[in-house]
C-alpha atoms as a PDB file:
ATOM      1  CA  MET A   1     -47.272  40.431  -4.681  1.00  0.00           C
ATOM      2  CA  LYS A   2     -44.496  40.681  -6.855  1.00  0.00           C
ATOM      3  CA  ASN A   3     -42.000  40.209  -5.240  1.00  0.00           C
ATOM      4  CA  ILE A   4     -43.989  36.765  -4.117  1.00  0.00           C
ATOM      5  CA  ILE A   5     -43.772  35.849  -8.151  1.00  0.00           C
ATOM      6  CA  PHE A   6     -40.125  36.705  -8.155  1.00  0.00           C
ATOM      7  CA  LEU A   7     -39.369  34.280  -5.810  1.00  0.00           C
ATOM      8  CA  LEU A   8     -41.580  31.629  -6.970  1.00  0.00           C
ATOM      9  CA  THR A   9     -39.032  31.835 -10.042  1.00  0.00           C
ATOM     10  CA  ILE A  10     -36.116  31.274  -8.714  1.00  0.00           C
ATOM     11  CA  LEU A  11     -37.121  28.902  -6.612  1.00  0.00           C
ATOM     12  CA  SER A  12     -38.086  27.333  -9.788  1.00  0.00           C
ATOM     13  CA  LEU A  13     -35.519  27.640 -11.699  1.00  0.00           C
ATOM     14  CA  ILE A  14     -33.346  25.941  -8.676  1.00  0.00           C
ATOM     15  CA  THR A  15     -34.791  23.055  -8.337  1.00  0.00           C
ATOM     16  CA  CYS A  16     -35.516  22.410 -12.186  1.00  0.00           C
ATOM     17  CA  GLU A  17     -31.506  22.937 -12.322  1.00  0.00           C
ATOM     18  CA  GLN A  18     -30.961  20.595  -9.225  1.00  0.00           C
ATOM     19  CA  PRO A  19     -29.930  16.464 -10.285  1.00  0.00           C
ATOM     20  CA  GLN A  20     -32.988  14.658  -8.609  1.00  0.00           C
ATOM     21  CA  LYS A  21     -31.659  12.370  -5.709  1.00  0.00           C
ATOM     22  CA  LEU A  22     -31.768   8.741  -6.581  1.00  0.00           C
ATOM     23  CA  VAL A  23     -33.687   6.726  -4.209  1.00  0.00           C
ATOM     24  CA  PHE A  24     -32.000   3.165  -3.775  1.00  0.00           C
ATOM     25  CA  LYS A  25     -34.295   0.106  -2.885  1.00  0.00           C
ATOM     26  CA  SER A  26     -30.588  -1.534  -1.035  1.00  0.00           C
ATOM     27  CA  ASP A  27     -30.430  -0.663   2.862  1.00  0.00           C
ATOM     28  CA  GLY A  28     -27.867  -3.054   4.133  1.00  0.00           C
ATOM     29  CA  LYS A  29     -30.697  -4.597   6.208  1.00  0.00           C
ATOM     30  CA  ILE A  30     -31.597  -8.500   5.125  1.00  0.00           C
ATOM     31  CA  ASN A  31     -34.901 -10.085   7.096  1.00  0.00           C
ATOM     32  CA  TYR A  32     -33.580 -12.876   8.567  1.00  0.00           C
ATOM     33  CA  THR A  33     -32.647 -14.382  11.929  1.00  0.00           C
ATOM     34  CA  LEU A  34     -29.915 -16.455  11.789  1.00  0.00           C
ATOM     35  CA  THR A  35     -30.223 -20.255  13.673  1.00  0.00           C
ATOM     36  CA  PRO A  36     -28.588 -20.799  16.950  1.00  0.00           C
ATOM     37  CA  ASN A  37     -26.679 -23.491  14.695  1.00  0.00           C
ATOM     38  CA  GLU A  38     -26.094 -20.690  11.752  1.00  0.00           C
ATOM     39  CA  VAL A  39     -24.344 -18.621  14.748  1.00  0.00           C
ATOM     40  CA  LEU A  40     -22.330 -21.083  16.024  1.00  0.00           C
ATOM     41  CA  MET A  41     -20.408 -21.973  12.367  1.00  0.00           C
ATOM     42  CA  PHE A  42     -20.038 -17.889  11.850  1.00  0.00           C
ATOM     43  CA  ASP A  43     -18.669 -17.849  14.717  1.00  0.00           C
ATOM     44  CA  SER A  44     -16.366 -21.148  14.673  1.00  0.00           C
ATOM     45  CA  ILE A  45     -15.234 -19.596  10.924  1.00  0.00           C
ATOM     46  CA  GLN A  46     -14.425 -16.046  12.546  1.00  0.00           C
ATOM     47  CA  TYR A  47     -12.191 -17.581  14.588  1.00  0.00           C
ATOM     48  CA  LYS A  48     -10.295 -19.863  12.764  1.00  0.00           C
ATOM     49  CA  THR A  49      -9.837 -16.971   9.799  1.00  0.00           C
ATOM     50  CA  PHE A  50      -8.287 -14.830  13.397  1.00  0.00           C
ATOM     51  CA  GLN A  51      -6.143 -17.210  13.898  1.00  0.00           C
ATOM     52  CA  PHE A  52      -4.167 -17.857  10.344  1.00  0.00           C
ATOM     53  CA  PHE A  53      -4.333 -14.412  10.553  1.00  0.00           C
ATOM     54  CA  LEU A  54      -2.308 -14.054  14.227  1.00  0.00           C
ATOM     55  CA  ASN A  55      -0.332 -17.859  13.965  1.00  0.00           C
ATOM     56  CA  GLU A  56       0.804 -17.138  10.621  1.00  0.00           C
ATOM     57  CA  SER A  57       2.270 -14.124  11.091  1.00  0.00           C
ATOM     58  CA  HIS A  58       6.165 -12.669  11.523  1.00  0.00           C
ATOM     59  CA  PRO A  59       7.007 -12.282  15.524  1.00  0.00           C
ATOM     60  CA  GLU A  60       8.520  -8.960  14.907  1.00  0.00           C
ATOM     61  CA  TRP A  61       7.117  -7.734  12.216  1.00  0.00           C
ATOM     62  CA  GLY A  62       3.890  -8.506  11.753  1.00  0.00           C
ATOM     63  CA  ILE A  63       4.446  -9.114   8.139  1.00  0.00           C
ATOM     64  CA  VAL A  64       1.655 -12.333   7.217  1.00  0.00           C
ATOM     65  CA  LYS A  65       2.354 -14.996   5.436  1.00  0.00           C
ATOM     66  CA  ASP A  66       0.059 -16.051   2.220  1.00  0.00           C
ATOM     67  CA  ARG A  67      -0.916 -19.338   3.398  1.00  0.00           C
ATOM     68  CA  THR A  68       0.015 -21.668   6.002  1.00  0.00           C
ATOM     69  CA  LYS A  69       2.429 -24.293   3.925  1.00  0.00           C
ATOM     70  CA  ASN A  70       6.202 -23.535   5.790  1.00  0.00           C
ATOM     71  CA  TRP A  71       7.639 -22.572   2.762  1.00  0.00           C
ATOM     72  CA  ALA A  72       5.465 -19.479   2.056  1.00  0.00           C
ATOM     73  CA  PRO A  73       6.056 -16.066   2.029  1.00  0.00           C
ATOM     74  CA  ALA A  74       4.479 -13.282   4.018  1.00  0.00           C
ATOM     75  CA  SER A  75       1.836 -11.285   0.675  1.00  0.00           C
ATOM     76  CA  ILE A  76       0.695  -7.857   1.326  1.00  0.00           C
ATOM     77  CA  ALA A  77      -2.022  -8.696   0.722  1.00  0.00           C
ATOM     78  CA  SER A  78      -2.670 -10.849   3.689  1.00  0.00           C
ATOM     79  CA  THR A  79      -1.045  -8.497   5.814  1.00  0.00           C
ATOM     80  CA  GLY A  80      -3.863  -5.084   4.941  1.00  0.00           C
ATOM     81  CA  PHE A  81      -6.701  -8.035   5.612  1.00  0.00           C
ATOM     82  CA  GLY A  82      -4.745  -9.201   8.832  1.00  0.00           C
ATOM     83  CA  ILE A  83      -5.048  -5.698  10.489  1.00  0.00           C
ATOM     84  CA  PRO A  84      -8.286  -5.720  10.459  1.00  0.00           C
ATOM     85  CA  SER A  85      -8.649  -8.677  11.860  1.00  0.00           C
ATOM     86  CA  PHE A  86      -6.411  -7.959  14.799  1.00  0.00           C
ATOM     87  CA  ALA A  87      -9.393  -5.345  15.656  1.00  0.00           C
ATOM     88  CA  ILE A  88     -12.120  -7.868  15.250  1.00  0.00           C
ATOM     89  CA  GLY A  89     -10.461 -10.280  17.921  1.00  0.00           C
ATOM     90  CA  VAL A  90     -10.113  -7.403  20.092  1.00  0.00           C
ATOM     91  CA  GLU A  91     -13.847  -6.485  19.670  1.00  0.00           C
ATOM     92  CA  ARG A  92     -14.435 -10.672  20.091  1.00  0.00           C
ATOM     93  CA  LYS A  93     -11.978 -11.303  22.901  1.00  0.00           C
ATOM     94  CA  TRP A  94      -9.627 -12.985  21.494  1.00  0.00           C
ATOM     95  CA  ILE A  95      -7.290 -10.859  22.301  1.00  0.00           C
ATOM     96  CA  SER A  96      -6.423  -7.383  24.302  1.00  0.00           C
ATOM     97  CA  ARG A  97      -5.991  -4.249  22.834  1.00  0.00           C
ATOM     98  CA  GLU A  98      -2.286  -3.664  24.135  1.00  0.00           C
ATOM     99  CA  GLN A  99      -1.411  -7.367  21.913  1.00  0.00           C
ATOM    100  CA  ALA A 100      -3.327  -5.641  18.391  1.00  0.00           C
ATOM    101  CA  ALA A 101      -1.801  -2.585  18.638  1.00  0.00           C
ATOM    102  CA  GLN A 102       1.313  -3.609  19.017  1.00  0.00           C
ATOM    103  CA  ILE A 103       0.792  -5.898  16.118  1.00  0.00           C
ATOM    104  CA  THR A 104      -0.057  -3.733  14.288  1.00  0.00           C
ATOM    105  CA  LEU A 105       3.165  -1.217  15.302  1.00  0.00           C
ATOM    106  CA  ASN A 106       5.766  -3.172  14.663  1.00  0.00           C
ATOM    107  CA  MET A 107       3.402  -3.697  10.943  1.00  0.00           C
ATOM    108  CA  LEU A 108       4.131  -0.389  10.392  1.00  0.00           C
ATOM    109  CA  ASP A 109       7.899   0.312  11.759  1.00  0.00           C
ATOM    110  CA  PHE A 110       8.795  -2.909   9.194  1.00  0.00           C
ATOM    111  CA  PHE A 111       7.118  -1.246   6.367  1.00  0.00           C
ATOM    112  CA  MET A 112       8.416   2.452   7.169  1.00  0.00           C
ATOM    113  CA  ASN A 113      11.795   1.072   7.515  1.00  0.00           C
ATOM    114  CA  SER A 114      12.272  -0.661   5.409  1.00  0.00           C
ATOM    115  CA  ALA A 115      14.276  -0.772   1.665  1.00  0.00           C
ATOM    116  CA  GLN A 116      12.333   1.155  -0.954  1.00  0.00           C
ATOM    117  CA  SER A 117      15.019   1.440  -3.822  1.00  0.00           C
ATOM    118  CA  ALA A 118      15.120   0.007  -7.458  1.00  0.00           C
ATOM    119  CA  ASP A 119      17.279  -2.947  -6.218  1.00  0.00           C
ATOM    120  CA  THR A 120      15.938  -5.632  -7.293  1.00  0.00           C
ATOM    121  CA  ASN A 121      16.271  -6.869  -3.749  1.00  0.00           C
ATOM    122  CA  ALA A 122      14.197  -4.390  -1.792  1.00  0.00           C
ATOM    123  CA  THR A 123      11.175  -4.186  -0.324  1.00  0.00           C
ATOM    124  CA  GLY A 124       8.912  -1.532  -2.173  1.00  0.00           C
ATOM    125  CA  TYR A 125       9.608   0.849  -4.211  1.00  0.00           C
ATOM    126  CA  LYS A 126       7.682   5.028  -4.477  1.00  0.00           C
ATOM    127  CA  GLY A 127       5.482   4.360  -1.966  1.00  0.00           C
ATOM    128  CA  PHE A 128       4.546   1.047  -3.366  1.00  0.00           C
ATOM    129  CA  TYR A 129       5.821  -2.923  -2.035  1.00  0.00           C
ATOM    130  CA  TYR A 130       6.381  -6.331  -3.855  1.00  0.00           C
ATOM    131  CA  HIS A 131       3.767  -8.959  -3.597  1.00  0.00           C
ATOM    132  CA  PHE A 132       5.700 -10.907  -2.117  1.00  0.00           C
ATOM    133  CA  LEU A 133       7.932 -10.833   0.652  1.00  0.00           C
ATOM    134  CA  ARG A 134      10.456 -13.609   1.842  1.00  0.00           C
ATOM    135  CA  MET A 135      10.110 -13.998   5.577  1.00  0.00           C
ATOM    136  CA  ASP A 136      13.526 -13.921   6.441  1.00  0.00           C
ATOM    137  CA  SER A 137      14.523 -10.523   5.798  1.00  0.00           C
ATOM    138  CA  GLY A 138      11.261  -8.957   4.796  1.00  0.00           C
ATOM    139  CA  THR A 139      12.793  -8.288   0.781  1.00  0.00           C
ATOM    140  CA  ARG A 140      11.354  -9.291  -2.097  1.00  0.00           C
ATOM    141  CA  GLU A 141      10.486 -13.561  -4.089  1.00  0.00           C
ATOM    142  CA  TRP A 142      10.201 -14.667  -6.658  1.00  0.00           C
ATOM    143  CA  ASN A 143      10.918 -11.886  -9.446  1.00  0.00           C
ATOM    144  CA  CYS A 144       7.337 -10.945  -8.323  1.00  0.00           C
ATOM    145  CA  GLU A 145       5.835  -7.573  -9.501  1.00  0.00           C
ATOM    146  CA  LEU A 146       5.860  -4.048  -7.687  1.00  0.00           C
ATOM    147  CA  SER A 147       1.318  -4.819  -6.584  1.00  0.00           C
ATOM    148  CA  THR A 148      -0.420  -1.629  -7.202  1.00  0.00           C
ATOM    149  CA  ILE A 149      -3.703  -3.051  -6.519  1.00  0.00           C
ATOM    150  CA  ASP A 150      -1.765  -5.195  -3.332  1.00  0.00           C
ATOM    151  CA  THR A 151      -0.091  -2.236  -2.035  1.00  0.00           C
ATOM    152  CA  GLY A 152      -3.983  -0.835  -2.304  1.00  0.00           C
ATOM    153  CA  ILE A 153      -5.592  -3.858   0.344  1.00  0.00           C
ATOM    154  CA  LEU A 154      -2.375  -3.182   2.730  1.00  0.00           C
ATOM    155  CA  MET A 155      -2.784   0.587   2.783  1.00  0.00           C
ATOM    156  CA  MET A 156      -6.692  -0.194   2.933  1.00  0.00           C
ATOM    157  CA  GLY A 157      -5.434  -1.964   6.267  1.00  0.00           C
ATOM    158  CA  ILE A 158      -3.811   0.656   7.382  1.00  0.00           C
ATOM    159  CA  ILE A 159      -6.360   3.371   7.180  1.00  0.00           C
ATOM    160  CA  PHE A 160      -7.997   1.369   8.682  1.00  0.00           C
ATOM    161  CA  ALA A 161      -5.695   0.899  11.832  1.00  0.00           C
ATOM    162  CA  ARG A 162      -5.424   4.577  11.733  1.00  0.00           C
ATOM    163  CA  ASN A 163      -9.277   5.155  12.415  1.00  0.00           C
ATOM    164  CA  TYR A 164      -9.647   2.492  14.965  1.00  0.00           C
ATOM    165  CA  TYR A 165      -6.392   3.343  17.396  1.00  0.00           C
ATOM    166  CA  ASP A 166      -6.670   6.369  18.635  1.00  0.00           C
ATOM    167  CA  LEU A 167      -6.053   6.115  21.703  1.00  0.00           C
ATOM    168  CA  ASP A 168      -4.116   8.338  23.719  1.00  0.00           C
ATOM    169  CA  ASN A 169      -0.862   6.296  24.166  1.00  0.00           C
ATOM    170  CA  GLU A 170       2.251   6.423  23.225  1.00  0.00           C
ATOM    171  CA  VAL A 171       1.235   2.875  20.295  1.00  0.00           C
ATOM    172  CA  GLU A 172      -1.688   4.275  18.789  1.00  0.00           C
ATOM    173  CA  LYS A 173      -0.419   7.534  18.277  1.00  0.00           C
ATOM    174  CA  GLN A 174       2.239   5.738  16.812  1.00  0.00           C
ATOM    175  CA  ILE A 175       0.193   3.622  15.028  1.00  0.00           C
ATOM    176  CA  ARG A 176      -1.301   6.652  13.357  1.00  0.00           C
ATOM    177  CA  LEU A 177       1.758   8.974  12.854  1.00  0.00           C
ATOM    178  CA  LEU A 178       3.519   5.983  10.735  1.00  0.00           C
ATOM    179  CA  ALA A 179       0.127   5.661   8.767  1.00  0.00           C
ATOM    180  CA  GLY A 180      -0.324   8.827   7.305  1.00  0.00           C
ATOM    181  CA  LYS A 181       3.134   8.624   6.323  1.00  0.00           C
ATOM    182  CA  LEU A 182       2.831   5.500   4.940  1.00  0.00           C
ATOM    183  CA  LEU A 183       0.022   6.928   3.019  1.00  0.00           C
ATOM    184  CA  ASP A 184       1.874  10.591   1.763  1.00  0.00           C
ATOM    185  CA  ARG A 185       4.858   8.711   0.639  1.00  0.00           C
ATOM    186  CA  ILE A 186       2.940   6.718  -2.699  1.00  0.00           C
ATOM    187  CA  GLU A 187       3.918   8.526  -5.716  1.00  0.00           C
ATOM    188  CA  TRP A 188       0.852   7.116  -8.234  1.00  0.00           C
ATOM    189  CA  ASP A 189       1.842   9.066 -10.961  1.00  0.00           C
ATOM    190  CA  PHE A 190       4.264   6.488 -11.200  1.00  0.00           C
ATOM    191  CA  VAL A 191       1.734   3.887 -12.047  1.00  0.00           C
ATOM    192  CA  ILE A 192      -0.143   5.800 -14.886  1.00  0.00           C
ATOM    193  CA  MET A 193      -0.420   4.237 -18.228  1.00  0.00           C
ATOM    194  CA  PRO A 194       0.462   6.703 -20.927  1.00  0.00           C
ATOM    195  CA  ASP A 195      -2.090   9.159 -22.341  1.00  0.00           C
ATOM    196  CA  LYS A 196      -2.124   6.095 -25.367  1.00  0.00           C
ATOM    197  CA  GLY A 197      -3.910   2.911 -26.163  1.00  0.00           C
ATOM    198  CA  GLN A 198      -6.796   0.650 -24.505  1.00  0.00           C
ATOM    199  CA  PHE A 199      -5.607   1.290 -21.073  1.00  0.00           C
ATOM    200  CA  ALA A 200      -4.787   4.580 -21.263  1.00  0.00           C
ATOM    201  CA  ASN A 201      -4.656   6.771 -17.990  1.00  0.00           C
ATOM    202  CA  THR A 202      -5.270   3.178 -16.073  1.00  0.00           C
ATOM    203  CA  ILE A 203      -3.586   2.804 -12.840  1.00  0.00           C
ATOM    204  CA  SER A 204      -0.357   0.006 -13.859  1.00  0.00           C
ATOM    205  CA  MET A 205      -1.350  -3.440 -12.616  1.00  0.00           C
ATOM    206  CA  GLY A 206       2.427  -3.693 -11.742  1.00  0.00           C
ATOM    207  CA  TRP A 207       6.447  -3.217 -12.217  1.00  0.00           C
ATOM    208  CA  THR A 208       9.255  -5.132 -11.619  1.00  0.00           C
ATOM    209  CA  PRO A 209      13.053  -3.539 -11.827  1.00  0.00           C
ATOM    210  CA  GLU A 210      14.102  -6.291 -14.484  1.00  0.00           C
ATOM    211  CA  GLU A 211      11.017  -5.307 -17.476  1.00  0.00           C
ATOM    212  CA  GLY A 212       9.774  -1.617 -16.155  1.00  0.00           C
ATOM    213  CA  MET A 213       5.934  -1.344 -15.919  1.00  0.00           C
ATOM    214  CA  HIS A 214       3.250  -3.534 -16.635  1.00  0.00           C
ATOM    215  CA  ASP A 215       1.311  -3.426 -20.428  1.00  0.00           C
ATOM    216  CA  TRP A 216      -2.394  -4.447 -18.453  1.00  0.00           C
ATOM    217  CA  GLY A 217      -3.594  -1.609 -16.365  1.00  0.00           C
ATOM    218  CA  TRP A 218      -6.728  -2.051 -14.104  1.00  0.00           C
ATOM    219  CA  VAL A 219     -10.105  -0.988 -15.875  1.00  0.00           C
ATOM    220  CA  GLY A 220     -12.741  -1.866 -14.174  1.00  0.00           C
ATOM    221  CA  TYR A 221     -15.044  -3.502 -13.143  1.00  0.00           C
ATOM    222  CA  ASN A 222     -13.562  -5.295 -10.326  1.00  0.00           C
ATOM    223  CA  GLU A 223     -11.582  -5.286  -7.221  1.00  0.00           C
ATOM    224  CA  ALA A 224      -9.032  -2.805  -8.537  1.00  0.00           C
ATOM    225  CA  LEU A 225     -12.688   0.182  -7.548  1.00  0.00           C
ATOM    226  CA  LEU A 226     -10.520   0.546  -4.224  1.00  0.00           C
ATOM    227  CA  LEU A 227      -7.068   1.184  -5.417  1.00  0.00           C
ATOM    228  CA  TYR A 228      -8.839   4.157  -7.459  1.00  0.00           C
ATOM    229  CA  ILE A 229     -10.561   5.374  -5.173  1.00  0.00           C
ATOM    230  CA  LEU A 230      -7.601   5.198  -2.513  1.00  0.00           C
ATOM    231  CA  ALA A 231      -5.546   7.228  -5.136  1.00  0.00           C
ATOM    232  CA  ALA A 232      -7.891  10.185  -5.543  1.00  0.00           C
ATOM    233  CA  GLY A 233      -7.755  10.305  -1.763  1.00  0.00           C
ATOM    234  CA  SER A 234      -4.139  10.669  -2.053  1.00  0.00           C
ATOM    235  CA  ASN A 235      -1.888  12.639  -3.947  1.00  0.00           C
ATOM    236  CA  MET A 236      -3.035  11.536  -7.707  1.00  0.00           C
ATOM    237  CA  LYS A 237      -2.771  13.480 -10.488  1.00  0.00           C
ATOM    238  CA  ASN A 238      -5.912  14.066 -13.081  1.00  0.00           C
ATOM    239  CA  THR A 239      -7.768  11.256 -10.625  1.00  0.00           C
ATOM    240  CA  GLU A 240     -10.728  11.958 -12.205  1.00  0.00           C
ATOM    241  CA  LYS A 241      -8.893  11.260 -15.600  1.00  0.00           C
ATOM    242  CA  SER A 242      -7.614   8.206 -14.374  1.00  0.00           C
ATOM    243  CA  TYR A 243     -11.223   7.485 -13.346  1.00  0.00           C
ATOM    244  CA  ASN A 244     -12.838   7.990 -16.057  1.00  0.00           C
ATOM    245  CA  ALA A 245     -10.744   5.434 -17.596  1.00  0.00           C
ATOM    246  CA  TRP A 246     -11.357   2.645 -14.900  1.00  0.00           C
ATOM    247  CA  LEU A 247     -15.152   3.152 -15.730  1.00  0.00           C
ATOM    248  CA  LYS A 248     -15.179   2.852 -19.929  1.00  0.00           C
ATOM    249  CA  SER A 249     -14.602  -0.625 -19.920  1.00  0.00           C
ATOM    250  CA  TYR A 250     -17.712  -1.762 -17.305  1.00  0.00           C
ATOM    251  CA  LYS A 251     -20.218  -3.949 -18.366  1.00  0.00           C
ATOM    252  CA  TRP A 252     -23.926  -3.942 -17.641  1.00  0.00           C
ATOM    253  CA  ASN A 253     -24.985  -7.017 -16.987  1.00  0.00           C
ATOM    254  CA  THR A 254     -28.811  -8.573 -16.259  1.00  0.00           C
ATOM    255  CA  PRO A 255     -28.635 -12.595 -15.951  1.00  0.00           C
ATOM    256  CA  TYR A 256     -31.934 -12.911 -14.586  1.00  0.00           C
ATOM    257  CA  LYS A 257     -35.229 -10.002 -14.388  1.00  0.00           C
ATOM    258  CA  GLY A 258     -34.790  -7.284 -12.539  1.00  0.00           C
ATOM    259  CA  LEU A 259     -31.440  -7.650 -11.084  1.00  0.00           C
ATOM    260  CA  SER A 260     -29.261  -6.009 -13.507  1.00  0.00           C
ATOM    261  CA  HIS A 261     -25.848  -5.269 -12.395  1.00  0.00           C
ATOM    262  CA  VAL A 262     -22.563  -4.004 -13.976  1.00  0.00           C
ATOM    263  CA  ALA A 263     -21.017  -7.807 -14.209  1.00  0.00           C
ATOM    264  CA  PHE A 264     -17.383  -8.991 -12.697  1.00  0.00           C
ATOM    265  CA  PRO A 265     -18.140 -13.292 -12.268  1.00  0.00           C
ATOM    266  CA  PRO A 266     -16.123 -13.356  -9.450  1.00  0.00           C
ATOM    267  CA  LEU A 267     -17.447 -13.379  -5.739  1.00  0.00           C
ATOM    268  CA  PHE A 268     -13.559 -11.623  -4.471  1.00  0.00           C
ATOM    269  CA  GLY A 269     -13.571  -8.626  -7.042  1.00  0.00           C
ATOM    270  CA  HIS A 270     -17.002  -7.511  -5.292  1.00  0.00           C
ATOM    271  CA  GLN A 271     -15.280  -8.209  -1.687  1.00  0.00           C
ATOM    272  CA  PHE A 272     -12.566  -6.731  -1.431  1.00  0.00           C
ATOM    273  CA  SER A 273     -13.490  -3.268  -1.690  1.00  0.00           C
ATOM    274  CA  GLN A 274     -16.219  -3.969   0.651  1.00  0.00           C
ATOM    275  CA  ALA A 275     -14.469  -5.320   2.848  1.00  0.00           C
ATOM    276  CA  PHE A 276     -13.041  -1.744   4.283  1.00  0.00           C
ATOM    277  CA  ILE A 277     -15.657   0.942   2.300  1.00  0.00           C
ATOM    278  CA  ASP A 278     -19.480   1.078   3.273  1.00  0.00           C
ATOM    279  CA  CYS A 279     -21.143   1.034  -0.065  1.00  0.00           C
ATOM    280  CA  ARG A 280     -24.275   1.860   0.690  1.00  0.00           C
ATOM    281  CA  GLY A 281     -26.015   4.858  -1.499  1.00  0.00           C
ATOM    282  CA  LEU A 282     -22.657   5.220  -2.818  1.00  0.00           C
ATOM    283  CA  ALA A 283     -22.918   5.714  -6.747  1.00  0.00           C
ATOM    284  CA  ASP A 284     -20.863   7.302  -9.254  1.00  0.00           C
ATOM    285  CA  LYS A 285     -21.861   9.224 -12.532  1.00  0.00           C
ATOM    286  CA  TYR A 286     -22.126   5.376 -14.290  1.00  0.00           C
ATOM    287  CA  MET A 287     -23.921   4.100 -11.073  1.00  0.00           C
ATOM    288  CA  PHE A 288     -26.266   6.862 -11.055  1.00  0.00           C
ATOM    289  CA  GLU A 289     -26.926   6.461 -13.999  1.00  0.00           C
ATOM    290  CA  LYS A 290     -28.347   3.019 -13.992  1.00  0.00           C
ATOM    291  CA  GLY A 291     -30.580   4.026 -10.890  1.00  0.00           C
ATOM    292  CA  ILE A 292     -27.921   1.565  -8.140  1.00  0.00           C
ATOM    293  CA  ASP A 293     -25.035   1.241  -5.653  1.00  0.00           C
ATOM    294  CA  TYR A 294     -21.929   0.138  -5.204  1.00  0.00           C
ATOM    295  CA  PHE A 295     -23.393  -2.325  -2.232  1.00  0.00           C
END
């Protein structure tokens, strides 16, 4: 009897110490059936979007233009979004898997072998890449910044490629190899803001060889959620300190009764991270305390 009482006492203490499991209301399911016309509309939008990434990509390097204008440079963010679009084309049978894999490999090979230096005419530096690249040379355009968020979007696309192209052939094995190398060579500590000031310990928005590090860091909530998740899964030191700095500026808003959420008006700030990360049921300390996930 004493043993049973002792066991029950221990179990009760363990139960008290365990955090309560949060039951999220959202499960990603919407009780709505698309009409035939709506299906046609979404199919058309998806196909035309795929065509943009295919038609506006460099024929040799795979980098994707920022827009359809003849003068437009490539955007590394557009390129990052282009990588999964080619895979969607495979799944929808708009392009063969071999074609999509080759475009992706060409792209990764370009980034792996392009100029990485502090020179004003390079493609990137310390594993990061310039926001805009010339379509004729693949080098920096418009004296633009070495962009952390756009590099982040590019790397999320590259992670997707590493996971999607999983066949045992030379092209897809090379995709996985280059993806790992590109992710590993990012020097996250280079872009961490100093340990003081408004943006202390956050990830800087960018750097230029002319002026150095930007004065502003990424604070939440916005599209940079993917950037902190990416950095945490890579080789960034003091990840928790940087993430807590990001969380400090969150703003909680209740525009309508019963519809409270983290405030960030532009829709893309919510979409960009969730284009790559399944946020259903995911919550950090801040969101857990609010009883809501990131979905």
